[in-house]
Amino acid sequence: MRKALCVLAFSLASISPALADTDSPATQLRYLIGSWDCVTNGATPITEAMTVEALPGGAWLHGTGTSQANGQSLTDESYLEWDARTSRWILIQIYSNGTYAVSTSTSPTLSGSTWTAYGASAPGATLSENSATQYTLEQSGIEGGRKITLDEVCTRQ
């Protein structure tokens, strides 16, 4: 078992870029590090407080958030990285209500990237960096047989 863990750790370290590699799209992840306040406009307005940090080794970002909608609270954890081996962004999201999403984007730039999502809460999305302190996430998908469109605006605290 210990050998398997060492091999896994070595494999992950060898395929994941560090944030310090200036030639890698992964350097764009630095933009997201910090605390953000987000507001989603849709049929039900949602507010979220989110904190993003680099995990040890610098290849992955880890985000934690708490959102409020209709007087109910939902917590989530997110993991984001640039996978140099497959030349795509990978985003894994886990929510306290049991839903999840795994999303990918082959755009080499984070701003303007279009995402394809898979999972129980998986709308497609486009991320746009508006400024050094604000980004938007335009999401669309099918929920309950209806097409939904959500626009989320996040501002650095």
Protein backbone atom coordinates (compact mmCIF):
# COMPACT_ATOMS: atom_id res chain seq x y z
CA MET A 1 0.00 0.00 0.00
CA ARG A 2 2.79 2.44 0.90
CA LYS A 3 4.52 1.74 -2.41
CA ALA A 4 1.28 2.44 -4.30
CA LEU A 5 0.90 5.80 -2.52
CA CYS A 6 4.51 6.74 -3.36
CA VAL A 7 4.00 5.82 -7.02
CA LEU A 8 0.76 7.83 -7.11
CA ALA A 9 2.44 10.84 -5.49
CA PHE A 10 5.34 10.63 -7.95
CA SER A 11 2.96 10.29 -10.90
CA LEU A 12 0.91 13.30 -9.84
CA ALA A 13 4.02 15.38 -9.27
CA SER A 14 5.44 14.47 -12.66
CA ILE A 15 2.35 15.40 -14.70
CA SER A 16 1.13 18.49 -12.81
CA PRO A 17 2.74 21.85 -13.61
CA ALA A 18 3.80 24.23 -10.86
CA LEU A 19 2.40 27.73 -10.76
CA ALA A 20 5.97 29.01 -11.08
CA ASP A 21 6.36 27.73 -14.68
CA THR A 22 5.83 30.97 -16.60
CA ASP A 23 5.33 29.15 -19.92
CA SER A 24 2.43 27.10 -18.59
CA PRO A 25 -1.24 28.15 -18.77
CA ALA A 26 -1.31 27.12 -15.10
CA THR A 27 0.22 30.50 -14.19
CA GLN A 28 -3.23 31.98 -14.94
CA LEU A 29 -4.52 30.23 -11.83
CA ARG A 30 -2.75 32.80 -9.63
CA TYR A 31 -5.50 35.25 -10.62
CA LEU A 32 -8.10 33.25 -8.68
CA ILE A 33 -6.16 33.01 -5.38
CA GLY A 34 -7.88 35.05 -2.68
CA SER A 35 -11.35 35.74 -1.34
CA TRP A 36 -14.33 36.47 -3.59
CA ASP A 37 -17.94 37.59 -3.15
CA CYS A 38 -20.20 36.23 -5.89
CA VAL A 39 -23.77 37.02 -6.93
CA THR A 40 -25.68 34.80 -9.36
CA ASN A 41 -28.60 36.38 -11.20
CA GLY A 42 -31.33 33.98 -12.24
CA ALA A 43 -34.80 32.90 -11.21
CA THR A 44 -33.43 32.51 -7.67
CA PRO A 45 -30.66 34.98 -6.74
CA ILE A 46 -27.68 33.27 -5.08
CA THR A 47 -24.86 34.87 -3.06
CA GLU A 48 -21.60 33.09 -2.31
CA ALA A 49 -18.49 33.85 -0.28
CA MET A 50 -15.54 31.90 -1.69
CA THR A 51 -11.86 31.51 -0.76
CA VAL A 52 -9.31 30.06 -3.18
CA GLU A 53 -5.79 28.89 -2.29
CA ALA A 54 -2.98 26.98 -3.97
CA LEU A 55 -2.47 23.47 -2.64
CA PRO A 56 1.08 22.40 -1.67
CA GLY A 57 3.12 21.86 -4.83
CA GLY A 58 1.19 24.59 -6.64
CA ALA A 59 -0.46 22.45 -9.32
CA TRP A 60 -4.01 22.56 -7.98
CA LEU A 61 -6.16 25.33 -6.58
CA HIS A 62 -8.60 24.52 -3.80
CA GLY A 63 -11.72 26.61 -3.28
CA THR A 64 -14.24 26.55 -0.47
CA GLY A 65 -17.50 28.41 -0.58
CA THR A 66 -20.78 28.98 1.20
CA SER A 67 -23.78 30.11 -0.80
CA GLN A 68 -27.21 31.34 0.20
CA ALA A 69 -30.43 30.96 -1.81
CA ASN A 70 -34.05 30.98 -0.63
CA GLY A 71 -32.84 31.15 2.99
CA GLN A 72 -30.88 27.91 2.62
CA SER A 73 -27.13 27.48 2.89
CA LEU A 74 -24.98 25.25 0.67
CA THR A 75 -21.25 24.62 1.04
CA ASP A 76 -18.93 23.47 -1.71
CA GLU A 77 -15.34 22.51 -2.40
CA SER A 78 -13.67 22.95 -5.77
CA TYR A 79 -10.38 21.79 -7.24
CA LEU A 80 -8.94 23.35 -10.40
CA GLU A 81 -5.76 22.65 -12.41
CA TRP A 82 -4.23 22.87 -15.88
CA ASP A 83 -3.39 19.32 -17.00
CA ALA A 84 -0.38 19.78 -19.29
CA ARG A 85 -0.53 16.13 -20.36
CA THR A 86 -3.97 16.49 -21.92
CA SER A 87 -3.80 20.27 -22.54
CA ARG A 88 -7.00 21.09 -20.71
CA TRP A 89 -8.37 22.65 -17.55
CA ILE A 90 -9.93 20.27 -15.01
CA LEU A 91 -12.48 21.49 -12.42
CA ILE A 92 -13.99 19.20 -9.78
CA GLN A 93 -16.83 20.55 -7.63
CA ILE A 94 -18.45 18.82 -4.65
CA TYR A 95 -21.55 20.23 -2.90
CA SER A 96 -22.97 19.62 0.60
CA ASN A 97 -26.34 18.57 -0.87
CA GLY A 98 -24.72 15.53 -2.52
CA THR A 99 -24.41 16.95 -6.04
CA TYR A 100 -21.17 17.32 -7.97
CA ALA A 101 -19.75 18.36 -11.31
CA VAL A 102 -16.57 17.59 -13.23
CA SER A 103 -15.83 20.18 -15.92
CA THR A 104 -13.15 20.49 -18.58
CA SER A 105 -12.00 23.16 -20.99
CA THR A 106 -9.45 22.90 -23.79
CA SER A 107 -9.02 26.66 -24.06
CA PRO A 108 -5.36 27.60 -23.38
CA THR A 109 -6.53 30.79 -21.66
CA LEU A 110 -8.62 30.83 -18.52
CA SER A 111 -10.39 34.07 -19.48
CA GLY A 112 -12.85 33.34 -22.28
CA SER A 113 -12.64 29.60 -21.66
CA THR A 114 -15.70 27.50 -22.48
CA TRP A 115 -16.42 24.58 -20.18
CA THR A 116 -18.16 21.25 -20.67
CA ALA A 117 -19.54 19.80 -17.46
CA TYR A 118 -20.57 16.30 -16.43
CA GLY A 119 -22.44 15.31 -13.29
CA ALA A 120 -25.49 15.91 -11.18
CA SER A 121 -25.20 19.72 -11.28
CA ALA A 122 -23.49 20.34 -14.56
CA PRO A 123 -24.38 23.36 -16.69
CA GLY A 124 -21.96 24.43 -19.41
CA ALA A 125 -20.17 27.70 -18.73
CA THR A 126 -17.95 30.46 -20.09
CA LEU A 127 -15.54 32.23 -17.73
CA SER A 128 -14.45 35.80 -18.49
CA GLU A 129 -11.90 37.87 -16.59
CA ASN A 130 -13.34 41.40 -16.50
CA SER A 131 -10.58 43.04 -14.48
CA ALA A 132 -7.98 42.25 -11.83
CA THR A 133 -10.78 42.24 -9.26
CA GLN A 134 -13.80 40.80 -11.11
CA TYR A 135 -14.79 37.85 -13.30
CA THR A 136 -18.07 36.53 -14.68
CA LEU A 137 -19.29 32.99 -15.22
CA GLU A 138 -22.10 32.58 -17.75
CA GLN A 139 -23.80 29.22 -17.30
CA SER A 140 -26.49 27.46 -19.31
CA GLY A 141 -27.99 24.03 -19.19
CA ILE A 142 -31.16 21.98 -18.71
CA GLU A 143 -32.74 21.61 -15.29
CA GLY A 144 -36.06 19.85 -14.77
CA GLY A 145 -36.61 19.78 -18.55
CA ARG A 146 -36.23 23.59 -18.79
CA LYS A 147 -33.33 25.54 -20.21
CA ILE A 148 -31.66 27.67 -17.54
CA THR A 149 -29.23 30.55 -17.90
CA LEU A 150 -27.32 31.97 -14.95
CA ASP A 151 -24.85 34.86 -14.84
CA GLU A 152 -22.51 34.91 -11.87
CA VAL A 153 -20.35 37.96 -11.09
CA CYS A 154 -17.50 37.53 -8.59
CA THR A 155 -15.62 40.44 -7.04
CA ARG A 156 -12.36 40.15 -5.09
CA GLN A 157 -12.76 41.07 -1.41
